[in-house]
C-alpha atoms as a PDB file:
ATOM      1  CA  MET A   1       0.161  -0.229   0.081  1.00  0.00           C
ATOM      2  CA  LYS A   2       2.866   3.000   0.157  1.00  0.00           C
ATOM      3  CA  GLN A   3       3.474   2.114  -3.068  1.00  0.00           C
ATOM      4  CA  LEU A   4      -0.349   3.265  -4.105  1.00  0.00           C
ATOM      5  CA  PRO A   5      -0.360   6.736  -5.387  1.00  0.00           C
ATOM      6  CA  LYS A   6      -1.227   9.792  -2.455  1.00  0.00           C
ATOM      7  CA  ILE A   7      -2.695  12.521  -2.013  1.00  0.00           C
ATOM      8  CA  ASP A   8      -2.057  14.534   1.176  1.00  0.00           C
ATOM      9  CA  SER A   9      -5.405  16.230   0.992  1.00  0.00           C
ATOM     10  CA  HIS A  10      -4.190  18.280   4.561  1.00  0.00           C
ATOM     11  CA  PHE A  11      -0.877  19.936   5.466  1.00  0.00           C
ATOM     12  CA  HIS A  12       0.676  22.910   6.148  1.00  0.00           C
ATOM     13  CA  PHE A  13       3.689  25.271   5.906  1.00  0.00           C
ATOM     14  CA  PHE A  14       5.372  27.866   8.404  1.00  0.00           C
ATOM     15  CA  ASP A  15       7.320  30.439   7.608  1.00  0.00           C
ATOM     16  CA  TYR A  16       8.020  32.870  10.890  1.00  0.00           C
ATOM     17  CA  SER A  17       9.473  35.539   9.406  1.00  0.00           C
ATOM     18  CA  LEU A  18       6.213  35.516   7.302  1.00  0.00           C
ATOM     19  CA  HIS A  19       4.043  34.013  10.303  1.00  0.00           C
ATOM     20  CA  ASP A  20       2.756  35.721  13.368  1.00  0.00           C
ATOM     21  CA  SER A  21       5.879  34.430  15.032  1.00  0.00           C
ATOM     22  CA  SER A  22       4.942  36.386  18.738  1.00  0.00           C
ATOM     23  CA  VAL A  23       3.938  32.984  20.358  1.00  0.00           C
ATOM     24  CA  ALA A  24       7.138  31.302  20.078  1.00  0.00           C
ATOM     25  CA  GLU A  25       8.736  34.513  22.012  1.00  0.00           C
ATOM     26  CA  GLY A  26       7.160  33.074  24.876  1.00  0.00           C
ATOM     27  CA  GLY A  27       8.957  29.971  25.105  1.00  0.00           C
ATOM     28  CA  LYS A  28       6.930  26.726  25.594  1.00  0.00           C
ATOM     29  CA  ALA A  29       3.380  27.239  24.066  1.00  0.00           C
ATOM     30  CA  GLU A  30       0.915  24.364  25.407  1.00  0.00           C
ATOM     31  CA  SER A  31      -2.903  24.550  24.826  1.00  0.00           C
ATOM     32  CA  GLY A  32      -5.466  21.596  25.598  1.00  0.00           C
ATOM     33  CA  LEU A  33      -6.495  20.179  22.156  1.00  0.00           C
ATOM     34  CA  LEU A  34      -2.128  20.045  21.328  1.00  0.00           C
ATOM     35  CA  GLY A  35      -0.655  20.183  24.521  1.00  0.00           C
ATOM     36  CA  ASP A  36       3.083  20.854  24.661  1.00  0.00           C
ATOM     37  CA  PHE A  37       3.520  22.485  20.842  1.00  0.00           C
ATOM     38  CA  SER A  38       6.715  24.652  21.377  1.00  0.00           C
ATOM     39  CA  PRO A  39       8.144  21.935  18.788  1.00  0.00           C
ATOM     40  CA  LEU A  40       5.912  23.117  15.883  1.00  0.00           C
ATOM     41  CA  LEU A  41       7.092  26.855  16.522  1.00  0.00           C
ATOM     42  CA  VAL A  42      10.027  26.628  14.064  1.00  0.00           C
ATOM     43  CA  ASP A  43      10.106  26.808   9.841  1.00  0.00           C
ATOM     44  CA  TYR A  44       8.489  23.878   8.031  1.00  0.00           C
ATOM     45  CA  VAL A  45       8.554  24.490   4.825  1.00  0.00           C
ATOM     46  CA  VAL A  46       9.087  22.814   1.624  1.00  0.00           C
ATOM     47  CA  ASP A  47      12.467  20.048   2.179  1.00  0.00           C
ATOM     48  CA  ASP A  48      11.135  19.680   5.396  1.00  0.00           C
ATOM     49  CA  TYR A  49       7.627  18.245   4.417  1.00  0.00           C
ATOM     50  CA  LEU A  50       9.358  16.685   1.248  1.00  0.00           C
ATOM     51  CA  ALA A  51      12.205  14.659   4.179  1.00  0.00           C
ATOM     52  CA  ASP A  52       8.744  13.468   6.264  1.00  0.00           C
ATOM     53  CA  LEU A  53       6.516  11.945   3.879  1.00  0.00           C
ATOM     54  CA  THR A  54      10.040  10.114   1.493  1.00  0.00           C
ATOM     55  CA  GLY A  55       8.596   6.803   0.976  1.00  0.00           C
ATOM     56  CA  HIS A  56       4.640   6.444   0.552  1.00  0.00           C
ATOM     57  CA  ASN A  57       4.329   7.782  -3.027  1.00  0.00           C
ATOM     58  CA  VAL A  58       2.632  10.797  -2.354  1.00  0.00           C
ATOM     59  CA  VAL A  59       1.786  12.692  -5.839  1.00  0.00           C
ATOM     60  CA  LYS A  60      -0.129  15.683  -4.952  1.00  0.00           C
ATOM     61  CA  MET A  61      -0.372  17.866  -2.030  1.00  0.00           C
ATOM     62  CA  VAL A  62      -2.917  20.175  -0.270  1.00  0.00           C
ATOM     63  CA  HIS A  63      -2.171  23.214   1.330  1.00  0.00           C
ATOM     64  CA  GLU A  64      -4.945  24.186   4.244  1.00  0.00           C
ATOM     65  CA  GLU A  65      -4.717  27.931   6.214  1.00  0.00           C
ATOM     66  CA  ALA A  66      -2.792  28.318   9.443  1.00  0.00           C
ATOM     67  CA  ASP A  67      -1.478  30.752  11.020  1.00  0.00           C
ATOM     68  CA  TRP A  68      -1.373  33.699   9.169  1.00  0.00           C
ATOM     69  CA  ASP A  69      -2.962  37.297   8.997  1.00  0.00           C
ATOM     70  CA  PRO A  70      -6.614  37.426   9.637  1.00  0.00           C
ATOM     71  CA  ASP A  71      -6.305  41.365   7.519  1.00  0.00           C
ATOM     72  CA  ASP A  72      -4.494  39.622   4.871  1.00  0.00           C
ATOM     73  CA  PRO A  73      -5.948  36.470   3.884  1.00  0.00           C
ATOM     74  CA  ILE A  74      -4.456  36.803   0.133  1.00  0.00           C
ATOM     75  CA  GLY A  75      -1.248  36.963   1.327  1.00  0.00           C
ATOM     76  CA  GLU A  76      -0.629  33.419   2.600  1.00  0.00           C
ATOM     77  CA  THR A  77      -2.637  32.448  -0.969  1.00  0.00           C
ATOM     78  CA  ARG A  78      -0.188  34.735  -3.268  1.00  0.00           C
ATOM     79  CA  TRP A  79       2.975  32.796  -1.680  1.00  0.00           C
ATOM     80  CA  LEU A  80       2.208  29.537  -1.655  1.00  0.00           C
ATOM     81  CA  GLN A  81       1.256  29.761  -4.587  1.00  0.00           C
ATOM     82  CA  GLY A  82       4.266  31.333  -6.217  1.00  0.00           C
ATOM     83  CA  ILE A  83       6.158  27.857  -3.991  1.00  0.00           C
ATOM     84  CA  ALA A  84       3.783  26.190  -6.518  1.00  0.00           C
ATOM     85  CA  ASP A  85       5.210  27.353  -9.410  1.00  0.00           C
ATOM     86  CA  VAL A  86       8.723  26.981  -7.892  1.00  0.00           C
ATOM     87  CA  HIS A  87       8.489  23.058  -6.348  1.00  0.00           C
ATOM     88  CA  GLY A  88       5.430  22.283  -8.235  1.00  0.00           C
ATOM     89  CA  PHE A  89       3.273  22.329  -5.456  1.00  0.00           C
ATOM     90  CA  PRO A  90       0.971  22.302  -3.094  1.00  0.00           C
ATOM     91  CA  HIS A  91      -1.400  20.992  -5.647  1.00  0.00           C
ATOM     92  CA  GLY A  92      -4.483  23.014  -4.256  1.00  0.00           C
ATOM     93  CA  ILE A  93      -4.569  26.062  -1.858  1.00  0.00           C
ATOM     94  CA  VAL A  94      -7.659  25.847   0.951  1.00  0.00           C
ATOM     95  CA  GLY A  95      -7.024  29.918   2.488  1.00  0.00           C
ATOM     96  CA  LYS A  96      -8.456  32.196   4.319  1.00  0.00           C
ATOM     97  CA  ALA A  97     -11.837  34.373   4.339  1.00  0.00           C
ATOM     98  CA  ASP A  98     -14.007  35.845   6.674  1.00  0.00           C
ATOM     99  CA  LEU A  99     -17.908  34.439   5.805  1.00  0.00           C
ATOM    100  CA  ALA A 100     -19.176  37.223   8.135  1.00  0.00           C
ATOM    101  CA  SER A 101     -17.552  39.723   6.271  1.00  0.00           C
ATOM    102  CA  PRO A 102     -18.954  42.655   3.724  1.00  0.00           C
ATOM    103  CA  GLU A 103     -16.097  43.077   1.850  1.00  0.00           C
ATOM    104  CA  LEU A 104     -16.279  38.617   1.323  1.00  0.00           C
ATOM    105  CA  GLU A 105     -17.243  38.839  -2.011  1.00  0.00           C
ATOM    106  CA  SER A 106     -14.106  40.628  -2.917  1.00  0.00           C
ATOM    107  CA  VAL A 107     -11.836  38.321  -0.966  1.00  0.00           C
ATOM    108  CA  LEU A 108     -13.077  35.456  -3.171  1.00  0.00           C
ATOM    109  CA  GLU A 109     -12.217  37.225  -6.568  1.00  0.00           C
ATOM    110  CA  ARG A 110      -9.149  37.867  -5.778  1.00  0.00           C
ATOM    111  CA  GLN A 111      -8.580  34.133  -3.948  1.00  0.00           C
ATOM    112  CA  CYS A 112      -9.429  33.042  -7.202  1.00  0.00           C
ATOM    113  CA  GLU A 113      -6.868  34.751  -9.648  1.00  0.00           C
ATOM    114  CA  PHE A 114      -4.408  31.979  -8.478  1.00  0.00           C
ATOM    115  CA  ALA A 115      -4.447  28.761 -10.102  1.00  0.00           C
ATOM    116  CA  ASN A 116      -4.105  26.196  -6.926  1.00  0.00           C
ATOM    117  CA  PHE A 117      -6.976  28.138  -5.306  1.00  0.00           C
ATOM    118  CA  ARG A 118      -9.396  25.560  -4.524  1.00  0.00           C
ATOM    119  CA  GLY A 119     -11.650  26.564  -1.246  1.00  0.00           C
ATOM    120  CA  ILE A 120     -12.419  28.339   2.307  1.00  0.00           C
ATOM    121  CA  ARG A 121     -12.006  27.461   5.376  1.00  0.00           C
ATOM    122  CA  GLN A 122     -12.551  29.770   8.703  1.00  0.00           C
ATOM    123  CA  CYS A 123     -12.171  28.337  11.631  1.00  0.00           C
ATOM    124  CA  ALA A 124     -15.528  28.137  14.400  1.00  0.00           C
ATOM    125  CA  ASN A 125     -14.169  24.866  16.826  1.00  0.00           C
ATOM    126  CA  TRP A 126     -15.731  26.249  20.243  1.00  0.00           C
ATOM    127  CA  ASP A 127     -16.064  24.285  23.446  1.00  0.00           C
ATOM    128  CA  ASP A 128     -16.914  25.257  27.302  1.00  0.00           C
ATOM    129  CA  ASP A 129     -13.434  24.824  27.826  1.00  0.00           C
ATOM    130  CA  PRO A 130     -10.946  27.771  26.382  1.00  0.00           C
ATOM    131  CA  GLY A 131      -8.612  25.443  25.521  1.00  0.00           C
ATOM    132  CA  TYR A 132     -10.100  23.894  22.403  1.00  0.00           C
ATOM    133  CA  ARG A 133     -11.420  26.840  21.273  1.00  0.00           C
ATOM    134  CA  LEU A 134      -9.864  27.830  18.121  1.00  0.00           C
ATOM    135  CA  THR A 135     -12.415  31.085  17.735  1.00  0.00           C
ATOM    136  CA  ALA A 136     -13.077  33.424  19.349  1.00  0.00           C
ATOM    137  CA  ARG A 137     -16.952  34.106  18.451  1.00  0.00           C
ATOM    138  CA  PRO A 138     -18.921  31.489  19.913  1.00  0.00           C
ATOM    139  CA  HIS A 139     -21.877  30.861  17.806  1.00  0.00           C
ATOM    140  CA  LEU A 140     -19.621  31.870  14.243  1.00  0.00           C
ATOM    141  CA  MET A 141     -21.878  29.165  12.022  1.00  0.00           C
ATOM    142  CA  GLY A 142     -25.011  31.299  13.932  1.00  0.00           C
ATOM    143  CA  GLU A 143     -24.327  34.662  12.733  1.00  0.00           C
ATOM    144  CA  ALA A 144     -26.763  35.977   9.953  1.00  0.00           C
ATOM    145  CA  ALA A 145     -23.452  37.451   8.218  1.00  0.00           C
ATOM    146  CA  TRP A 146     -22.010  34.342   7.906  1.00  0.00           C
ATOM    147  CA  ARG A 147     -25.285  32.866   6.725  1.00  0.00           C
ATOM    148  CA  ARG A 148     -25.636  34.992   4.346  1.00  0.00           C
ATOM    149  CA  GLY A 149     -22.028  35.047   2.899  1.00  0.00           C
ATOM    150  CA  TYR A 150     -21.514  30.740   2.859  1.00  0.00           C
ATOM    151  CA  PRO A 151     -23.427  30.210  -0.546  1.00  0.00           C
ATOM    152  CA  LEU A 152     -21.180  32.731  -1.795  1.00  0.00           C
ATOM    153  CA  LEU A 153     -19.342  29.773  -1.634  1.00  0.00           C
ATOM    154  CA  ALA A 154     -20.652  27.792  -4.194  1.00  0.00           C
ATOM    155  CA  LYS A 155     -20.814  30.908  -7.065  1.00  0.00           C
ATOM    156  CA  TYR A 156     -17.125  30.999  -7.196  1.00  0.00           C
ATOM    157  CA  GLY A 157     -16.942  27.210  -7.167  1.00  0.00           C
ATOM    158  CA  LEU A 158     -14.947  26.771  -3.925  1.00  0.00           C
ATOM    159  CA  THR A 159     -15.037  24.061  -0.951  1.00  0.00           C
ATOM    160  CA  PHE A 160     -15.165  25.138   2.677  1.00  0.00           C
ATOM    161  CA  ASP A 161     -13.629  22.720   4.912  1.00  0.00           C
ATOM    162  CA  HIS A 162     -15.867  22.923   8.328  1.00  0.00           C
ATOM    163  CA  ASN A 163     -12.737  22.782  11.464  1.00  0.00           C
ATOM    164  CA  VAL A 164     -15.232  22.025  14.441  1.00  0.00           C
ATOM    165  CA  ASN A 165     -15.741  19.807  17.136  1.00  0.00           C
ATOM    166  CA  TYR A 166     -17.771  17.122  17.211  1.00  0.00           C
ATOM    167  CA  HIS A 167     -20.578  18.363  19.652  1.00  0.00           C
ATOM    168  CA  GLN A 168     -20.877  20.850  16.930  1.00  0.00           C
ATOM    169  CA  LEU A 169     -21.310  18.603  13.500  1.00  0.00           C
ATOM    170  CA  SER A 170     -25.451  18.832  13.906  1.00  0.00           C
ATOM    171  CA  GLU A 171     -25.094  22.245  13.505  1.00  0.00           C
ATOM    172  CA  VAL A 172     -22.800  21.692  10.059  1.00  0.00           C
ATOM    173  CA  ALA A 173     -25.206  19.198   8.967  1.00  0.00           C
ATOM    174  CA  ALA A 174     -28.180  22.015   9.357  1.00  0.00           C
ATOM    175  CA  LEU A 175     -25.838  24.290   7.296  1.00  0.00           C
ATOM    176  CA  MET A 176     -25.009  21.422   4.652  1.00  0.00           C
ATOM    177  CA  ARG A 177     -29.422  20.706   4.095  1.00  0.00           C
ATOM    178  CA  GLU A 178     -29.835  24.841   4.076  1.00  0.00           C
ATOM    179  CA  VAL A 179     -27.296  24.652   1.230  1.00  0.00           C
ATOM    180  CA  PRO A 180     -26.363  21.914  -0.456  1.00  0.00           C
ATOM    181  CA  ASP A 181     -24.870  23.375  -3.212  1.00  0.00           C
ATOM    182  CA  VAL A 182     -21.606  24.291  -1.056  1.00  0.00           C
ATOM    183  CA  ARG A 183     -19.107  21.090  -1.093  1.00  0.00           C
ATOM    184  CA  SER A 184     -18.694  20.276   2.735  1.00  0.00           C
ATOM    185  CA  VAL A 185     -15.625  18.778   3.835  1.00  0.00           C
ATOM    186  CA  ILE A 186     -15.445  17.692   8.064  1.00  0.00           C
ATOM    187  CA  CYS A 187     -11.959  18.258   8.798  1.00  0.00           C
ATOM    188  CA  HIS A 188     -10.256  15.812  10.965  1.00  0.00           C
ATOM    189  CA  LEU A 189     -12.810  13.418  12.112  1.00  0.00           C
ATOM    190  CA  GLY A 190     -15.310  15.852  13.551  1.00  0.00           C
ATOM    191  CA  PHE A 191     -12.347  16.906  16.374  1.00  0.00           C
ATOM    192  CA  PRO A 192     -13.452  14.282  19.019  1.00  0.00           C
ATOM    193  CA  ILE A 193     -11.692  15.612  21.821  1.00  0.00           C
ATOM    194  CA  ARG A 194     -13.847  13.718  24.608  1.00  0.00           C
ATOM    195  CA  ARG A 195     -13.872   9.803  25.203  1.00  0.00           C
ATOM    196  CA  THR A 196     -16.650   9.486  27.692  1.00  0.00           C
ATOM    197  CA  PRO A 197     -19.338   7.184  26.316  1.00  0.00           C
ATOM    198  CA  GLU A 198     -21.871  10.623  26.238  1.00  0.00           C
ATOM    199  CA  ALA A 199     -19.410  12.204  23.940  1.00  0.00           C
ATOM    200  CA  LEU A 200     -19.207   9.254  21.780  1.00  0.00           C
ATOM    201  CA  GLU A 201     -22.985   9.421  21.828  1.00  0.00           C
ATOM    202  CA  VAL A 202     -22.775  12.622  20.457  1.00  0.00           C
ATOM    203  CA  TRP A 203     -19.797  12.336  17.599  1.00  0.00           C
ATOM    204  CA  ARG A 204     -21.557   8.988  16.344  1.00  0.00           C
ATOM    205  CA  ARG A 205     -24.702  11.062  16.136  1.00  0.00           C
ATOM    206  CA  GLY A 206     -23.263  13.714  14.136  1.00  0.00           C
ATOM    207  CA  ILE A 207     -20.912  12.070  12.041  1.00  0.00           C
ATOM    208  CA  ALA A 208     -24.524  10.082  10.746  1.00  0.00           C
ATOM    209  CA  GLU A 209     -26.246  13.283  10.062  1.00  0.00           C
ATOM    210  CA  ALA A 210     -23.434  14.514   8.454  1.00  0.00           C
ATOM    211  CA  ALA A 211     -22.839  12.188   6.219  1.00  0.00           C
ATOM    212  CA  ALA A 212     -26.673  11.754   5.479  1.00  0.00           C
ATOM    213  CA  CYS A 213     -25.498  15.410   3.705  1.00  0.00           C
ATOM    214  CA  PRO A 214     -24.917  14.198  -0.493  1.00  0.00           C
ATOM    215  CA  ASN A 215     -22.319  17.236  -0.314  1.00  0.00           C
ATOM    216  CA  ALA A 216     -21.010  16.143   2.948  1.00  0.00           C
ATOM    217  CA  LEU A 217     -16.755  14.774   2.503  1.00  0.00           C
ATOM    218  CA  MET A 218     -14.994  13.292   5.507  1.00  0.00           C
ATOM    219  CA  LYS A 219     -10.748  14.366   5.898  1.00  0.00           C
ATOM    220  CA  LEU A 220      -9.752  11.048   7.650  1.00  0.00           C
ATOM    221  CA  SER A 221      -6.411  13.154   9.981  1.00  0.00           C
ATOM    222  CA  GLY A 222      -5.888  14.592  12.427  1.00  0.00           C
ATOM    223  CA  ILE A 223      -6.499  12.685  14.896  1.00  0.00           C
ATOM    224  CA  THR A 224      -3.192  12.570  16.938  1.00  0.00           C
ATOM    225  CA  MET A 225      -4.509  16.008  17.970  1.00  0.00           C
ATOM    226  CA  THR A 226      -7.217  14.618  20.398  1.00  0.00           C
ATOM    227  CA  ASP A 227      -5.346  10.989  21.491  1.00  0.00           C
ATOM    228  CA  HIS A 228      -1.827  12.262  22.039  1.00  0.00           C
ATOM    229  CA  ASP A 229      -0.835   9.142  22.898  1.00  0.00           C
ATOM    230  CA  TRP A 230      -2.354   6.769  20.287  1.00  0.00           C
ATOM    231  CA  THR A 231      -1.892   3.391  19.056  1.00  0.00           C
ATOM    232  CA  THR A 232      -3.320   2.012  16.259  1.00  0.00           C
ATOM    233  CA  ALA A 233      -5.723   0.176  18.397  1.00  0.00           C
ATOM    234  CA  SER A 234      -7.071   3.038  19.824  1.00  0.00           C
ATOM    235  CA  ILE A 235      -8.079   5.428  16.256  1.00  0.00           C
ATOM    236  CA  ARG A 236      -9.090   2.261  14.210  1.00  0.00           C
ATOM    237  CA  PRO A 237     -12.852   2.608  15.367  1.00  0.00           C
ATOM    238  CA  PHE A 238     -12.920   6.567  14.668  1.00  0.00           C
ATOM    239  CA  PHE A 239     -11.238   5.419  11.209  1.00  0.00           C
ATOM    240  CA  LEU A 240     -13.835   2.503  11.129  1.00  0.00           C
ATOM    241  CA  GLU A 241     -16.847   4.252  11.417  1.00  0.00           C
ATOM    242  CA  ALA A 242     -16.367   7.527  10.132  1.00  0.00           C
ATOM    243  CA  ILE A 243     -15.710   5.550   6.412  1.00  0.00           C
ATOM    244  CA  GLU A 244     -19.161   3.261   6.972  1.00  0.00           C
ATOM    245  CA  ALA A 245     -21.211   6.454   7.523  1.00  0.00           C
ATOM    246  CA  PHE A 246     -19.441   8.452   4.830  1.00  0.00           C
ATOM    247  CA  THR A 247     -18.130   5.253   2.595  1.00  0.00           C
ATOM    248  CA  PRO A 248     -14.337   6.041   1.091  1.00  0.00           C
ATOM    249  CA  ALA A 249     -15.855   7.572  -2.154  1.00  0.00           C
ATOM    250  CA  ARG A 250     -16.240  10.786   0.633  1.00  0.00           C
ATOM    251  CA  CYS A 251     -12.993  10.027   2.695  1.00  0.00           C
ATOM    252  CA  MET A 252      -9.771  11.804   2.102  1.00  0.00           C
ATOM    253  CA  PHE A 253      -6.802  10.888   3.942  1.00  0.00           C
ATOM    254  CA  GLY A 254      -4.362  14.072   5.255  1.00  0.00           C
ATOM    255  CA  SER A 255      -1.228  13.761   7.230  1.00  0.00           C
ATOM    256  CA  ASN A 256      -1.973  17.501   8.736  1.00  0.00           C
ATOM    257  CA  PHE A 257       2.105  17.694   9.360  1.00  0.00           C
ATOM    258  CA  PRO A 258       3.405  19.044  10.602  1.00  0.00           C
ATOM    259  CA  VAL A 259       0.960  18.818  13.076  1.00  0.00           C
ATOM    260  CA  ASP A 260       0.798  15.648  13.683  1.00  0.00           C
ATOM    261  CA  LYS A 261       3.764  15.255  13.715  1.00  0.00           C
ATOM    262  CA  LEU A 262       4.207  16.042  17.295  1.00  0.00           C
ATOM    263  CA  TYR A 263       2.544  12.599  18.348  1.00  0.00           C
ATOM    264  CA  GLY A 264       4.426  10.372  15.660  1.00  0.00           C
ATOM    265  CA  SER A 265       6.498  10.418  12.420  1.00  0.00           C
ATOM    266  CA  PHE A 266       4.791  10.649   8.605  1.00  0.00           C
ATOM    267  CA  ASP A 267       6.135   6.863   8.540  1.00  0.00           C
ATOM    268  CA  ARG A 268       4.139   5.934  11.871  1.00  0.00           C
ATOM    269  CA  LEU A 269       0.972   7.468  10.851  1.00  0.00           C
ATOM    270  CA  PHE A 270       0.516   6.793   7.350  1.00  0.00           C
ATOM    271  CA  GLY A 271       1.859   3.095   8.998  1.00  0.00           C
ATOM    272  CA  ALA A 272      -1.398   3.339  10.374  1.00  0.00           C
ATOM    273  CA  TYR A 273      -3.647   4.085   8.196  1.00  0.00           C
ATOM    274  CA  TYR A 274      -2.361   1.070   6.106  1.00  0.00           C
ATOM    275  CA  GLU A 275      -3.293  -1.249   8.380  1.00  0.00           C
ATOM    276  CA  ILE A 276      -6.498   0.724  10.037  1.00  0.00           C
ATOM    277  CA  VAL A 277      -7.300  -0.182   6.221  1.00  0.00           C
ATOM    278  CA  ALA A 278      -6.071  -2.907   5.071  1.00  0.00           C
ATOM    279  CA  GLU A 279      -9.683  -4.961   4.228  1.00  0.00           C
ATOM    280  CA  PHE A 280     -11.042  -2.611   2.005  1.00  0.00           C
ATOM    281  CA  SER A 281     -10.897  -3.317  -1.431  1.00  0.00           C
ATOM    282  CA  ASP A 282      -7.998  -1.433  -4.147  1.00  0.00           C
ATOM    283  CA  ASP A 283     -10.676   0.636  -5.883  1.00  0.00           C
ATOM    284  CA  GLU A 284     -11.395   1.561  -2.090  1.00  0.00           C
ATOM    285  CA  LYS A 285      -7.857   2.455  -1.198  1.00  0.00           C
ATOM    286  CA  ARG A 286      -7.778   4.140  -3.524  1.00  0.00           C
ATOM    287  CA  ALA A 287     -10.186   6.266  -3.556  1.00  0.00           C
ATOM    288  CA  MET A 288      -9.441   7.359   0.086  1.00  0.00           C
ATOM    289  CA  PHE A 289      -5.887   7.919  -0.786  1.00  0.00           C
ATOM    290  CA  HIS A 290      -5.954   9.810  -4.122  1.00  0.00           C
ATOM    291  CA  ASP A 291      -9.151  10.044  -5.779  1.00  0.00           C
ATOM    292  CA  THR A 292     -11.601  11.703  -3.238  1.00  0.00           C
ATOM    293  CA  ALA A 293      -9.381  14.521  -2.774  1.00  0.00           C
ATOM    294  CA  ALA A 294      -8.316  14.484  -6.695  1.00  0.00           C
ATOM    295  CA  THR A 295     -12.539  14.811  -7.172  1.00  0.00           C
ATOM    296  CA  VAL A 296     -12.865  17.662  -4.305  1.00  0.00           C
ATOM    297  CA  TYR A 297      -9.641  19.820  -4.907  1.00  0.00           C
ATOM    298  CA  ARG A 298     -10.051  19.898  -8.866  1.00  0.00           C
ATOM    299  CA  LEU A 299      -6.985  17.641  -9.182  1.00  0.00           C
END
């Protein structure tokens, strides 16, 4: 399976001469989600990424927006397109925009001027515990202005990558039903950040509700952010339940590097992926490792 052509549907570059370096100046950095993420506070660019994925036949890559100045949403895309023009990748760019902004349509038009631009991500993760929040706005997806902006993505043929916690999946599903023309990608298995029986039941219900929407897709990624002591056995049920709900044709694997590198190498992570889906058919494996991402991100 190592030599099966693959698309990494979710990774990030960091260059702290361009990205916000203020968090790096404080030394150790921690969050409830990531634990100690101080090792991430160094540049992670083309050579670092290529070294990590050596031997896994990753043929195309999708870069996901990451910690760029929100007041300059075009800047990250311009930077990444410059990298792609030199190195040939990232083949797809998922960038920034505030869907509630009155300038949204102008931002989308400008983003779409870049050849590799494919979609938008705006993190909406909210939780009672501040350590599991990735937004300062508790009901982002419910804001009237944001909901007016969301349908514009269909006009420009753009995907939307949903970063939400497990208890927000039902809200995402309602949005997908309301706006079926937007191709919606759920990142990181819906962030199952808690593992109590009650929390897992909420996650399962949310996964089922989202999977019932034909415009919904699932990224099989990011699990180490919610299971720092992970083993193949500990993460297997989440992958298998998500794949069963969405089917392989609507699932895609991603590395989430360098974030997932905090708790394991590329070899270890993808080795676990290979083991988890070993019993699937060749066509199903090709879908999850390559074809779904190729279709969704027009690669």
